[in-house]
């Protein structure tokens, strides 16, 4: 239990707190830190420490690659909607919904072409 708690604390401190605090000072630096695949790197690190299974790491990395593509829709739609004057929460909800639809579409296409995640 304490090992899991340590992972949660390290991950949340590094990602959420660091990005939000840095973004208060510089949106460029906050965006740079947020754009790094820190979540993926930490997930792979924790998975390797827990399992020592490089096959699982390779599968995770490949899955992340394919699913990054539909996630980009969020970063296109959110600023677009906000600049159009929509409420923040409405813009977030619409952007998350559109992104979820794109995930579904990508997974359907990958399955159709025999790519397993």
Protein backbone atom coordinates (compact mmCIF):
# COMPACT_ATOMS: atom_id res chain seq x y z
CA UNK A 1 0.00 0.00 0.00
CA UNK A 2 2.78 2.47 0.87
CA UNK A 3 4.51 1.75 -2.46
CA UNK A 4 1.33 2.70 -4.33
CA UNK A 5 1.00 5.83 -2.23
CA UNK A 6 4.58 6.81 -3.06
CA UNK A 7 3.85 6.37 -6.77
CA UNK A 8 0.73 8.52 -6.50
CA UNK A 9 2.53 11.28 -4.62
CA UNK A 10 5.51 11.38 -6.97
CA UNK A 11 3.35 11.29 -10.07
CA UNK A 12 0.87 13.90 -8.90
CA UNK A 13 3.52 16.26 -7.58
CA UNK A 14 5.57 16.04 -10.72
CA UNK A 15 2.72 16.42 -13.13
CA UNK A 16 -0.24 18.27 -11.75
CA UNK A 17 1.36 20.58 -9.21
CA UNK A 18 4.49 21.37 -11.22
CA UNK A 19 2.59 22.11 -14.42
CA UNK A 20 -0.08 24.24 -12.75
CA UNK A 21 2.45 26.24 -10.72
CA UNK A 22 4.78 26.74 -13.67
CA UNK A 23 1.86 27.81 -15.88
CA UNK A 24 1.04 30.61 -13.44
CA UNK A 25 4.45 32.09 -14.17
CA UNK A 26 4.83 31.22 -17.83
CA UNK A 27 2.25 29.61 -20.08
CA UNK A 28 5.08 28.65 -22.48
CA UNK A 29 7.02 26.76 -19.82
CA UNK A 30 3.83 25.21 -18.46
CA UNK A 31 2.87 24.09 -21.96
CA UNK A 32 6.36 22.72 -22.57
CA UNK A 33 6.29 20.65 -19.39
CA UNK A 34 2.73 19.48 -20.06
CA UNK A 35 3.58 18.51 -23.64
CA UNK A 36 6.37 16.21 -22.56
CA UNK A 37 5.25 12.61 -22.31
CA UNK A 38 5.89 12.60 -18.57
CA UNK A 39 2.75 10.64 -17.77
CA UNK A 40 3.72 7.99 -20.32
CA UNK A 41 7.32 7.87 -19.14
CA UNK A 42 6.27 7.50 -15.51
CA UNK A 43 3.70 4.85 -16.40
CA UNK A 44 6.35 2.88 -18.28
CA UNK A 45 8.82 3.32 -15.44
CA UNK A 46 6.32 2.13 -12.80
CA UNK A 47 5.23 -0.77 -15.05
CA UNK A 48 8.83 -1.85 -15.58
CA UNK A 49 9.67 -1.59 -11.87
CA UNK A 50 6.56 -3.63 -11.04
CA UNK A 51 6.82 -6.31 -13.76
CA UNK A 52 10.26 -6.17 -15.47
CA UNK A 53 8.26 -7.09 -18.60
CA UNK A 54 9.68 -5.19 -21.58
CA UNK A 55 6.99 -6.68 -23.83
CA UNK A 56 4.33 -4.89 -21.78
CA UNK A 57 6.35 -1.68 -22.04
CA UNK A 58 6.59 -2.04 -25.82
CA UNK A 59 2.84 -2.68 -26.10
CA UNK A 60 2.08 0.31 -23.89
CA UNK A 61 4.37 2.57 -25.95
CA UNK A 62 2.74 1.44 -29.20
CA UNK A 63 -0.74 1.97 -27.78
CA UNK A 64 0.20 5.44 -26.57
CA UNK A 65 1.50 6.30 -30.03
CA UNK A 66 -1.77 5.41 -31.73
CA UNK A 67 -3.91 7.14 -29.11
CA UNK A 68 -1.94 10.39 -29.10
CA UNK A 69 -3.31 11.09 -32.57
CA UNK A 70 -6.99 11.41 -31.56
CA UNK A 71 -6.03 13.24 -28.35
CA UNK A 72 -4.74 16.13 -30.46
CA UNK A 73 -8.36 16.94 -31.34
CA UNK A 74 -8.82 18.17 -27.76
CA UNK A 75 -6.01 20.70 -28.14
CA UNK A 76 -7.48 21.96 -31.39
CA UNK A 77 -11.11 22.15 -30.31
CA UNK A 78 -10.67 23.67 -26.83
CA UNK A 79 -8.86 26.87 -27.86
CA UNK A 80 -11.16 27.19 -30.88
CA UNK A 81 -14.29 27.03 -28.71
CA UNK A 82 -12.87 29.37 -26.07
CA UNK A 83 -11.90 31.93 -28.71
CA UNK A 84 -15.44 31.72 -30.07
CA UNK A 85 -16.64 32.88 -26.64
CA UNK A 86 -18.09 29.66 -25.27
CA UNK A 87 -18.09 29.14 -21.52
CA UNK A 88 -14.99 27.35 -20.19
CA UNK A 89 -16.86 24.36 -18.75
CA UNK A 90 -18.99 23.96 -21.86
CA UNK A 91 -15.88 24.17 -24.06
CA UNK A 92 -14.15 21.55 -21.90
CA UNK A 93 -17.18 19.25 -22.07
CA UNK A 94 -17.54 19.57 -25.83
CA UNK A 95 -13.80 19.11 -26.38
CA UNK A 96 -13.70 16.02 -24.16
CA UNK A 97 -16.75 14.56 -25.91
CA UNK A 98 -15.33 15.15 -29.37
CA UNK A 99 -12.02 13.66 -28.25
CA UNK A 100 -13.79 10.59 -26.83
CA UNK A 101 -15.52 10.15 -30.19
CA UNK A 102 -12.16 10.37 -31.95
CA UNK A 103 -10.71 7.74 -29.59
CA UNK A 104 -13.62 5.45 -30.43
CA UNK A 105 -13.10 6.07 -34.14
CA UNK A 106 -9.34 5.44 -33.91
CA UNK A 107 -9.79 2.20 -31.96
CA UNK A 108 -12.41 1.04 -34.47
CA UNK A 109 -10.09 1.81 -37.40
CA UNK A 110 -7.09 0.16 -35.76
CA UNK A 111 -9.14 -2.96 -35.03
CA UNK A 112 -10.40 -3.03 -38.62
CA UNK A 113 -6.81 -2.97 -39.91
CA UNK A 114 -5.60 -5.62 -37.47
CA UNK A 115 -3.65 -3.37 -35.11
CA UNK A 116 -4.12 -4.56 -31.54
CA UNK A 117 -3.76 -2.21 -28.62
